Amino acid sequence: MSPLATALQSCDMLLIDGLHAFDFTADASGLSVECMDGRQLRRWVFTAEQVAAAVAIGDEWQLDDASGAHRLVCMSAFRAPDDNDNEPDLDEPAGR
């Protein structure tokens, strides 16, 4: 697995060409990304070979396709904590 393919497995948000994308699929066939740019739906599709050939530049990746070079950043989205975590109920006195 290429370094970018590995990074894609652990992220849940991408920044591609300056646009935030939550809707993406990374698998053995490559990478496909969709996001809204204003009212326009933007799509990018990269083959497994293009993902494997991606070049790391600092925190970014450069992917090349027929239309040119694209900048990609793998990110983790912030999530609200689960309601069912192990925190004590504030309505009950401590120690019970």
PDB file of N, CA and C in Angstrom:
ATOM      1  N   MET A   1       0.858  -1.178   0.000  1.00  0.00           N
ATOM      2  CA  MET A   1       0.000   0.000   0.000  1.00  0.00           C
ATOM      3  C   MET A   1       0.899   1.234   0.000  1.00  0.00           C
ATOM      4  N   SER A   2       0.558   2.218  -0.802  1.00  0.00           N
ATOM      5  CA  SER A   2       1.358   3.436  -0.898  1.00  0.00           C
ATOM      6  C   SER A   2       1.177   4.292   0.355  1.00  0.00           C
ATOM      7  N   PRO A   3       2.120   5.191   0.619  1.00  0.00           N
ATOM      8  CA  PRO A   3       1.979   6.071   1.797  1.00  0.00           C
ATOM      9  C   PRO A   3       0.685   6.891   1.776  1.00  0.00           C
ATOM     10  N   LEU A   4       0.274   7.410   0.628  1.00  0.00           N
ATOM     11  CA  LEU A   4      -0.974   8.165   0.572  1.00  0.00           C
ATOM     12  C   LEU A   4      -2.165   7.251   0.821  1.00  0.00           C
ATOM     13  N   ALA A   5      -2.161   6.052   0.261  1.00  0.00           N
ATOM     14  CA  ALA A   5      -3.258   5.110   0.480  1.00  0.00           C
ATOM     15  C   ALA A   5      -3.390   4.785   1.965  1.00  0.00           C
ATOM     16  N   THR A   6      -2.273   4.653   2.651  1.00  0.00           N
ATOM     17  CA  THR A   6      -2.290   4.407   4.093  1.00  0.00           C
ATOM     18  C   THR A   6      -2.880   5.600   4.830  1.00  0.00           C
ATOM     19  N   ALA A   7      -2.480   6.806   4.469  1.00  0.00           N
ATOM     20  CA  ALA A   7      -3.007   8.022   5.112  1.00  0.00           C
ATOM     21  C   ALA A   7      -4.505   8.164   4.867  1.00  0.00           C
ATOM     22  N   LEU A   8      -4.973   7.791   3.689  1.00  0.00           N
ATOM     23  CA  LEU A   8      -6.394   7.905   3.364  1.00  0.00           C
ATOM     24  C   LEU A   8      -7.246   6.964   4.217  1.00  0.00           C
ATOM     25  N   GLN A   9      -6.683   5.837   4.638  1.00  0.00           N
ATOM     26  CA  GLN A   9      -7.437   4.876   5.447  1.00  0.00           C
ATOM     27  C   GLN A   9      -7.738   5.410   6.844  1.00  0.00           C
ATOM     28  N   SER A  10      -6.923   6.350   7.333  1.00  0.00           N
ATOM     29  CA  SER A  10      -7.108   6.836   8.706  1.00  0.00           C
ATOM     30  C   SER A  10      -7.697   8.241   8.782  1.00  0.00           C
ATOM     31  N   CYS A  11      -8.091   8.821   7.659  1.00  0.00           N
ATOM     32  CA  CYS A  11      -8.676  10.171   7.715  1.00  0.00           C
ATOM     33  C   CYS A  11     -10.150  10.115   7.362  1.00  0.00           C
ATOM     34  N   ASP A  12     -10.889  11.151   7.775  1.00  0.00           N
ATOM     35  CA  ASP A  12     -12.310  11.173   7.464  1.00  0.00           C
ATOM     36  C   ASP A  12     -12.727  12.471   6.780  1.00  0.00           C
ATOM     37  N   MET A  13     -11.734  13.283   6.395  1.00  0.00           N
ATOM     38  CA  MET A  13     -12.016  14.510   5.660  1.00  0.00           C
ATOM     39  C   MET A  13     -10.779  14.838   4.826  1.00  0.00           C
ATOM     40  N   LEU A  14     -11.007  15.388   3.649  1.00  0.00           N
ATOM     41  CA  LEU A  14      -9.917  15.797   2.771  1.00  0.00           C
ATOM     42  C   LEU A  14     -10.032  17.277   2.462  1.00  0.00           C
ATOM     43  N   LEU A  15      -8.913  17.884   2.202  1.00  0.00           N
ATOM     44  CA  LEU A  15      -8.861  19.223   1.630  1.00  0.00           C
ATOM     45  C   LEU A  15      -8.226  19.022   0.260  1.00  0.00           C
ATOM     46  N   ILE A  16      -9.005  19.242  -0.801  1.00  0.00           N
ATOM     47  CA  ILE A  16      -8.498  19.042  -2.156  1.00  0.00           C
ATOM     48  C   ILE A  16      -8.641  20.337  -2.927  1.00  0.00           C
ATOM     49  N   ASP A  17      -7.544  20.807  -3.436  1.00  0.00           N
ATOM     50  CA  ASP A  17      -7.509  22.068  -4.174  1.00  0.00           C
ATOM     51  C   ASP A  17      -8.206  23.188  -3.398  1.00  0.00           C
ATOM     52  N   GLY A  18      -8.042  23.180  -2.070  1.00  0.00           N
ATOM     53  CA  GLY A  18      -8.598  24.224  -1.219  1.00  0.00           C
ATOM     54  C   GLY A  18     -10.044  24.020  -0.804  1.00  0.00           C
ATOM     55  N   LEU A  19     -10.669  22.905  -1.185  1.00  0.00           N
ATOM     56  CA  LEU A  19     -12.066  22.628  -0.847  1.00  0.00           C
ATOM     57  C   LEU A  19     -12.153  21.460   0.136  1.00  0.00           C
ATOM     58  N   HIS A  20     -13.009  21.594   1.154  1.00  0.00           N
ATOM     59  CA  HIS A  20     -13.214  20.519   2.123  1.00  0.00           C
ATOM     60  C   HIS A  20     -14.139  19.463   1.532  1.00  0.00           C
ATOM     61  N   ALA A  21     -13.736  18.210   1.662  1.00  0.00           N
ATOM     62  CA  ALA A  21     -14.524  17.107   1.116  1.00  0.00           C
ATOM     63  C   ALA A  21     -14.678  16.013   2.166  1.00  0.00           C
ATOM     64  N   PHE A  22     -15.927  15.691   2.486  1.00  0.00           N
ATOM     65  CA  PHE A  22     -16.229  14.588   3.391  1.00  0.00           C
ATOM     66  C   PHE A  22     -16.629  13.344   2.608  1.00  0.00           C
ATOM     67  N   ASP A  23     -17.045  13.525   1.366  1.00  0.00           N
ATOM     68  CA  ASP A  23     -17.543  12.430   0.543  1.00  0.00           C
ATOM     69  C   ASP A  23     -16.421  11.931  -0.371  1.00  0.00           C
ATOM     70  N   PHE A  24     -15.728  10.899   0.102  1.00  0.00           N
ATOM     71  CA  PHE A  24     -14.654  10.326  -0.711  1.00  0.00           C
ATOM     72  C   PHE A  24     -14.570   8.829  -0.441  1.00  0.00           C
ATOM     73  N   THR A  25     -14.040   8.121  -1.433  1.00  0.00           N
ATOM     74  CA  THR A  25     -13.842   6.679  -1.328  1.00  0.00           C
ATOM     75  C   THR A  25     -12.417   6.372  -1.748  1.00  0.00           C
ATOM     76  N   ALA A  26     -11.706   5.697  -0.862  1.00  0.00           N
ATOM     77  CA  ALA A  26     -10.348   5.248  -1.154  1.00  0.00           C
ATOM     78  C   ALA A  26     -10.322   3.735  -0.999  1.00  0.00           C
ATOM     79  N   ASP A  27     -10.002   3.038  -2.085  1.00  0.00           N
ATOM     80  CA  ASP A  27      -9.943   1.582  -2.045  1.00  0.00           C
ATOM     81  C   ASP A  27      -8.888   1.098  -3.036  1.00  0.00           C
ATOM     82  N   ALA A  28      -8.872  -0.179  -3.320  1.00  0.00           N
ATOM     83  CA  ALA A  28      -7.854  -0.749  -4.204  1.00  0.00           C
ATOM     84  C   ALA A  28      -7.916  -0.199  -5.620  1.00  0.00           C
ATOM     85  N   SER A  29      -9.075   0.342  -6.023  1.00  0.00           N
ATOM     86  CA  SER A  29      -9.201   0.878  -7.377  1.00  0.00           C
ATOM     87  C   SER A  29      -8.720   2.326  -7.481  1.00  0.00           C
ATOM     88  N   GLY A  30      -8.487   2.991  -6.348  1.00  0.00           N
ATOM     89  CA  GLY A  30      -7.998   4.368  -6.368  1.00  0.00           C
ATOM     90  C   GLY A  30      -8.753   5.251  -5.405  1.00  0.00           C
ATOM     91  N   LEU A  31      -8.938   6.504  -5.792  1.00  0.00           N
ATOM     92  CA  LEU A  31      -9.564   7.508  -4.938  1.00  0.00           C
ATOM     93  C   LEU A  31     -10.575   8.293  -5.759  1.00  0.00           C
ATOM     94  N   SER A  32     -11.790   8.419  -5.214  1.00  0.00           N
ATOM     95  CA  SER A  32     -12.784   9.295  -5.830  1.00  0.00           C
ATOM     96  C   SER A  32     -13.264  10.262  -4.762  1.00  0.00           C
ATOM     97  N   VAL A  33     -13.424  11.537  -5.157  1.00  0.00           N
ATOM     98  CA  VAL A  33     -13.771  12.598  -4.225  1.00  0.00           C
ATOM     99  C   VAL A  33     -14.886  13.436  -4.838  1.00  0.00           C
ATOM    100  N   GLU A  34     -15.871  13.814  -4.027  1.00  0.00           N
ATOM    101  CA  GLU A  34     -16.934  14.728  -4.444  1.00  0.00           C
ATOM    102  C   GLU A  34     -17.123  15.782  -3.369  1.00  0.00           C
ATOM    103  N   CYS A  35     -17.360  17.020  -3.792  1.00  0.00           N
ATOM    104  CA  CYS A  35     -17.722  18.076  -2.850  1.00  0.00           C
ATOM    105  C   CYS A  35     -18.417  19.202  -3.610  1.00  0.00           C
ATOM    106  N   MET A  36     -19.119  20.011  -2.864  1.00  0.00           N
ATOM    107  CA  MET A  36     -19.813  21.159  -3.448  1.00  0.00           C
ATOM    108  C   MET A  36     -18.899  22.383  -3.387  1.00  0.00           C
ATOM    109  N   ASP A  37     -18.803  23.070  -4.494  1.00  0.00           N
ATOM    110  CA  ASP A  37     -18.076  24.328  -4.600  1.00  0.00           C
ATOM    111  C   ASP A  37     -19.123  25.377  -4.962  1.00  0.00           C
ATOM    112  N   GLY A  38     -19.710  25.990  -3.915  1.00  0.00           N
ATOM    113  CA  GLY A  38     -20.860  26.862  -4.153  1.00  0.00           C
ATOM    114  C   GLY A  38     -22.036  25.995  -4.573  1.00  0.00           C
ATOM    115  N   ARG A  39     -22.537  26.194  -5.775  1.00  0.00           N
ATOM    116  CA  ARG A  39     -23.633  25.365  -6.294  1.00  0.00           C
ATOM    117  C   ARG A  39     -23.151  24.280  -7.246  1.00  0.00           C
ATOM    118  N   GLN A  40     -21.864  24.229  -7.480  1.00  0.00           N
ATOM    119  CA  GLN A  40     -21.304  23.279  -8.442  1.00  0.00           C
ATOM    120  C   GLN A  40     -20.754  22.045  -7.725  1.00  0.00           C
ATOM    121  N   LEU A  41     -21.163  20.855  -8.188  1.00  0.00           N
ATOM    122  CA  LEU A  41     -20.613  19.607  -7.687  1.00  0.00           C
ATOM    123  C   LEU A  41     -19.285  19.362  -8.383  1.00  0.00           C
ATOM    124  N   ARG A  42     -18.235  19.216  -7.594  1.00  0.00           N
ATOM    125  CA  ARG A  42     -16.906  18.940  -8.150  1.00  0.00           C
ATOM    126  C   ARG A  42     -16.565  17.484  -7.891  1.00  0.00           C
ATOM    127  N   ARG A  43     -15.944  16.838  -8.878  1.00  0.00           N
ATOM    128  CA  ARG A  43     -15.548  15.435  -8.763  1.00  0.00           C
ATOM    129  C   ARG A  43     -14.110  15.255  -9.222  1.00  0.00           C
ATOM    130  N   TRP A  44     -13.399  14.426  -8.498  1.00  0.00           N
ATOM    131  CA  TRP A  44     -12.046  14.031  -8.868  1.00  0.00           C
ATOM    132  C   TRP A  44     -11.991  12.515  -8.781  1.00  0.00           C
ATOM    133  N   VAL A  45     -11.334  11.888  -9.739  1.00  0.00           N
ATOM    134  CA  VAL A  45     -11.138  10.445  -9.721  1.00  0.00           C
ATOM    135  C   VAL A  45      -9.673  10.177 -10.048  1.00  0.00           C
ATOM    136  N   PHE A  46      -9.021   9.441  -9.160  1.00  0.00           N
ATOM    137  CA  PHE A  46      -7.609   9.085  -9.335  1.00  0.00           C
ATOM    138  C   PHE A  46      -7.491   7.571  -9.319  1.00  0.00           C
ATOM    139  N   THR A  47      -6.698   7.031 -10.235  1.00  0.00           N
ATOM    140  CA  THR A  47      -6.476   5.588 -10.289  1.00  0.00           C
ATOM    141  C   THR A  47      -5.550   5.179  -9.144  1.00  0.00           C
ATOM    142  N   ALA A  48      -5.477   3.873  -8.897  1.00  0.00           N
ATOM    143  CA  ALA A  48      -4.567   3.352  -7.879  1.00  0.00           C
ATOM    144  C   ALA A  48      -3.121   3.725  -8.214  1.00  0.00           C
ATOM    145  N   GLU A  49      -2.792   3.748  -9.494  1.00  0.00           N
ATOM    146  CA  GLU A  49      -1.430   4.108  -9.909  1.00  0.00           C
ATOM    147  C   GLU A  49      -1.141   5.578  -9.612  1.00  0.00           C
ATOM    148  N   GLN A  50      -2.120   6.451  -9.833  1.00  0.00           N
ATOM    149  CA  GLN A  50      -1.939   7.873  -9.536  1.00  0.00           C
ATOM    150  C   GLN A  50      -1.797   8.102  -8.025  1.00  0.00           C
ATOM    151  N   VAL A  51      -2.572   7.366  -7.222  1.00  0.00           N
ATOM    152  CA  VAL A  51      -2.448   7.471  -5.762  1.00  0.00           C
ATOM    153  C   VAL A  51      -1.067   6.989  -5.331  1.00  0.00           C
ATOM    154  N   ALA A  52      -0.595   5.889  -5.913  1.00  0.00           N
ATOM    155  CA  ALA A  52       0.722   5.353  -5.564  1.00  0.00           C
ATOM    156  C   ALA A  52       1.846   6.307  -5.961  1.00  0.00           C
ATOM    157  N   ALA A  53       1.635   7.097  -7.012  1.00  0.00           N
ATOM    158  CA  ALA A  53       2.663   8.024  -7.495  1.00  0.00           C
ATOM    159  C   ALA A  53       2.589   9.390  -6.820  1.00  0.00           C
ATOM    160  N   ALA A  54       1.655   9.590  -5.892  1.00  0.00           N
ATOM    161  CA  ALA A  54       1.507  10.886  -5.214  1.00  0.00           C
ATOM    162  C   ALA A  54       2.787  11.242  -4.482  1.00  0.00           C
ATOM    163  N   VAL A  55       3.103  12.524  -4.487  1.00  0.00           N
ATOM    164  CA  VAL A  55       4.330  13.019  -3.866  1.00  0.00           C
ATOM    165  C   VAL A  55       3.959  13.822  -2.622  1.00  0.00           C
ATOM    166  N   ALA A  56       4.593  13.475  -1.504  1.00  0.00           N
ATOM    167  CA  ALA A  56       4.366  14.212  -0.255  1.00  0.00           C
ATOM    168  C   ALA A  56       5.190  15.489  -0.272  1.00  0.00           C
ATOM    169  N   ILE A  57       4.529  16.607   0.051  1.00  0.00           N
ATOM    170  CA  ILE A  57       5.181  17.909   0.156  1.00  0.00           C
ATOM    171  C   ILE A  57       4.727  18.505   1.489  1.00  0.00           C
ATOM    172  N   GLY A  58       5.530  18.301   2.526  1.00  0.00           N
ATOM    173  CA  GLY A  58       5.120  18.734   3.861  1.00  0.00           C
ATOM    174  C   GLY A  58       3.902  17.941   4.305  1.00  0.00           C
ATOM    175  N   ASP A  59       2.826  18.631   4.691  1.00  0.00           N
ATOM    176  CA  ASP A  59       1.582  17.978   5.115  1.00  0.00           C
ATOM    177  C   ASP A  59       0.652  17.694   3.938  1.00  0.00           C
ATOM    178  N   GLU A  60       1.044  18.074   2.739  1.00  0.00           N
ATOM    179  CA  GLU A  60       0.200  17.925   1.558  1.00  0.00           C
ATOM    180  C   GLU A  60       0.713  16.803   0.668  1.00  0.00           C
ATOM    181  N   TRP A  61      -0.176  16.373  -0.194  1.00  0.00           N
ATOM    182  CA  TRP A  61       0.163  15.407  -1.240  1.00  0.00           C
ATOM    183  C   TRP A  61      -0.146  16.052  -2.581  1.00  0.00           C
ATOM    184  N   GLN A  62       0.698  15.803  -3.549  1.00  0.00           N
ATOM    185  CA  GLN A  62       0.427  16.256  -4.910  1.00  0.00           C
ATOM    186  C   GLN A  62       0.054  15.043  -5.737  1.00  0.00           C
ATOM    187  N   LEU A  63      -1.149  15.083  -6.305  1.00  0.00           N
ATOM    188  CA  LEU A  63      -1.628  14.031  -7.195  1.00  0.00           C
ATOM    189  C   LEU A  63      -1.764  14.619  -8.583  1.00  0.00           C
ATOM    190  N   ASP A  64      -1.334  13.890  -9.565  1.00  0.00           N
ATOM    191  CA  ASP A  64      -1.425  14.348 -10.947  1.00  0.00           C
ATOM    192  C   ASP A  64      -2.420  13.480 -11.707  1.00  0.00           C
ATOM    193  N   ASP A  65      -3.235  14.142 -12.543  1.00  0.00           N
ATOM    194  CA  ASP A  65      -4.115  13.429 -13.462  1.00  0.00           C
ATOM    195  C   ASP A  65      -4.079  14.149 -14.803  1.00  0.00           C
ATOM    196  N   ALA A  66      -4.960  13.785 -15.707  1.00  0.00           N
ATOM    197  CA  ALA A  66      -4.956  14.361 -17.048  1.00  0.00           C
ATOM    198  C   ALA A  66      -5.181  15.866 -17.047  1.00  0.00           C
ATOM    199  N   SER A  67      -5.858  16.394 -16.025  1.00  0.00           N
ATOM    200  CA  SER A  67      -6.125  17.839 -15.985  1.00  0.00           C
ATOM    201  C   SER A  67      -5.045  18.629 -15.253  1.00  0.00           C
ATOM    202  N   GLY A  68      -4.039  17.952 -14.684  1.00  0.00           N
ATOM    203  CA  GLY A  68      -2.943  18.662 -14.023  1.00  0.00           C
ATOM    204  C   GLY A  68      -2.691  18.161 -12.613  1.00  0.00           C
ATOM    205  N   ALA A  69      -2.044  19.018 -11.816  1.00  0.00           N
ATOM    206  CA  ALA A  69      -1.673  18.674 -10.443  1.00  0.00           C
ATOM    207  C   ALA A  69      -2.748  19.137  -9.469  1.00  0.00           C
ATOM    208  N   HIS A  70      -2.966  18.339  -8.443  1.00  0.00           N
ATOM    209  CA  HIS A  70      -3.951  18.650  -7.408  1.00  0.00           C
ATOM    210  C   HIS A  70      -3.274  18.529  -6.045  1.00  0.00           C
ATOM    211  N   ARG A  71      -3.656  19.404  -5.121  1.00  0.00           N
ATOM    212  CA  ARG A  71      -3.135  19.374  -3.748  1.00  0.00           C
ATOM    213  C   ARG A  71      -4.159  18.717  -2.844  1.00  0.00           C
ATOM    214  N   LEU A  72      -3.704  17.773  -2.030  1.00  0.00           N
ATOM    215  CA  LEU A  72      -4.574  17.014  -1.152  1.00  0.00           C
ATOM    216  C   LEU A  72      -3.992  17.012   0.254  1.00  0.00           C
ATOM    217  N   VAL A  73      -4.849  17.265   1.249  1.00  0.00           N
ATOM    218  CA  VAL A  73      -4.456  17.184   2.653  1.00  0.00           C
ATOM    219  C   VAL A  73      -5.423  16.228   3.334  1.00  0.00           C
ATOM    220  N   CYS A  74      -4.892  15.226   4.023  1.00  0.00           N
ATOM    221  CA  CYS A  74      -5.718  14.297   4.794  1.00  0.00           C
ATOM    222  C   CYS A  74      -5.964  14.898   6.168  1.00  0.00           C
ATOM    223  N   MET A  75      -7.226  14.929   6.585  1.00  0.00           N
ATOM    224  CA  MET A  75      -7.585  15.561   7.857  1.00  0.00           C
ATOM    225  C   MET A  75      -8.539  14.659   8.638  1.00  0.00           C
ATOM    226  N   SER A  76      -8.625  14.936   9.928  1.00  0.00           N
ATOM    227  CA  SER A  76      -9.605  14.271  10.784  1.00  0.00           C
ATOM    228  C   SER A  76     -10.627  15.308  11.202  1.00  0.00           C
ATOM    229  N   ALA A  77     -11.884  14.980  11.041  1.00  0.00           N
ATOM    230  CA  ALA A  77     -12.959  15.897  11.429  1.00  0.00           C
ATOM    231  C   ALA A  77     -13.141  15.831  12.939  1.00  0.00           C
ATOM    232  N   PHE A  78     -13.515  16.950  13.532  1.00  0.00           N
ATOM    233  CA  PHE A  78     -13.830  16.970  14.952  1.00  0.00           C
ATOM    234  C   PHE A  78     -15.205  16.357  15.137  1.00  0.00           C
ATOM    235  N   ARG A  79     -15.348  15.552  16.166  1.00  0.00           N
ATOM    236  CA  ARG A  79     -16.616  14.896  16.432  1.00  0.00           C
ATOM    237  C   ARG A  79     -17.065  15.208  17.854  1.00  0.00           C
ATOM    238  N   ALA A  80     -18.355  15.323  18.015  1.00  0.00           N
ATOM    239  CA  ALA A  80     -18.916  15.530  19.345  1.00  0.00           C
ATOM    240  C   ALA A  80     -18.772  14.232  20.131  1.00  0.00           C
ATOM    241  N   PRO A  81     -18.552  14.323  21.433  1.00  0.00           N
ATOM    242  CA  PRO A  81     -18.445  13.089  22.221  1.00  0.00           C
ATOM    243  C   PRO A  81     -19.766  12.344  22.249  1.00  0.00           C
ATOM    244  N   ASP A  82     -19.679  11.027  22.393  1.00  0.00           N
ATOM    245  CA  ASP A  82     -20.883  10.198  22.479  1.00  0.00           C
ATOM    246  C   ASP A  82     -21.633  10.503  23.762  1.00  0.00           C
ATOM    247  N   ASP A  83     -22.955  10.412  23.718  1.00  0.00           N
ATOM    248  CA  ASP A  83     -23.772  10.614  24.915  1.00  0.00           C
ATOM    249  C   ASP A  83     -23.622   9.462  25.901  1.00  0.00           C
ATOM    250  N   ASN A  84     -23.201   8.304  25.411  1.00  0.00           N
ATOM    251  CA  ASN A  84     -23.127   7.116  26.257  1.00  0.00           C
ATOM    252  C   ASN A  84     -21.714   6.848  26.759  1.00  0.00           C
ATOM    253  N   ASP A  85     -20.918   7.891  26.933  1.00  0.00           N
ATOM    254  CA  ASP A  85     -19.569   7.666  27.435  1.00  0.00           C
ATOM    255  C   ASP A  85     -19.624   7.401  28.941  1.00  0.00           C
ATOM    256  N   ASN A  86     -18.493   7.187  29.547  1.00  0.00           N
ATOM    257  CA  ASN A  86     -18.432   6.777  30.938  1.00  0.00           C
ATOM    258  C   ASN A  86     -18.351   7.939  31.915  1.00  0.00           C
ATOM    259  N   GLU A  87     -18.868   9.079  31.572  1.00  0.00           N
ATOM    260  CA  GLU A  87     -18.873  10.211  32.489  1.00  0.00           C
ATOM    261  C   GLU A  87     -20.025  10.067  33.473  1.00  0.00           C
ATOM    262  N   PRO A  88     -19.842  10.532  34.728  1.00  0.00           N
ATOM    263  CA  PRO A  88     -20.921  10.417  35.704  1.00  0.00           C
ATOM    264  C   PRO A  88     -22.095  11.321  35.341  1.00  0.00           C
ATOM    265  N   ASP A  89     -23.278  10.901  35.726  1.00  0.00           N
ATOM    266  CA  ASP A  89     -24.483  11.683  35.511  1.00  0.00           C
ATOM    267  C   ASP A  89     -24.463  12.861  36.468  1.00  0.00           C
ATOM    268  N   LEU A  90     -24.608  14.065  35.989  1.00  0.00           N
ATOM    269  CA  LEU A  90     -24.515  15.262  36.828  1.00  0.00           C
ATOM    270  C   LEU A  90     -25.702  15.403  37.775  1.00  0.00           C
ATOM    271  N   ASP A  91     -26.792  14.664  37.516  1.00  0.00           N
ATOM    272  CA  ASP A  91     -27.961  14.735  38.382  1.00  0.00           C
ATOM    273  C   ASP A  91     -27.825  13.840  39.613  1.00  0.00           C
ATOM    274  N   GLU A  92     -26.866  12.924  39.587  1.00  0.00           N
ATOM    275  CA  GLU A  92     -26.689  12.006  40.712  1.00  0.00           C
ATOM    276  C   GLU A  92     -25.505  12.448  41.548  1.00  0.00           C
ATOM    277  N   PRO A  93     -25.609  12.331  42.873  1.00  0.00           N
ATOM    278  CA  PRO A  93     -24.459  12.662  43.737  1.00  0.00           C
ATOM    279  C   PRO A  93     -23.312  11.708  43.476  1.00  0.00           C
ATOM    280  N   ALA A  94     -22.092  12.174  43.625  1.00  0.00           N
ATOM    281  CA  ALA A  94     -20.911  11.342  43.397  1.00  0.00           C
ATOM    282  C   ALA A  94     -20.847  10.232  44.435  1.00  0.00           C
ATOM    283  N   GLY A  95     -20.286   9.086  44.074  1.00  0.00           N
ATOM    284  CA  GLY A  95     -20.100   7.998  44.997  1.00  0.00           C
ATOM    285  C   GLY A  95     -21.270   7.049  45.094  1.00  0.00           C
ATOM    286  N   ARG A  96     -22.296   7.190  44.317  1.00  0.00           N
ATOM    287  CA  ARG A  96     -23.433   6.262  44.387  1.00  0.00           C
ATOM    288  C   ARG A  96     -23.415   5.296  43.245  1.00  0.00           C
TER     289      ARG A  96
END
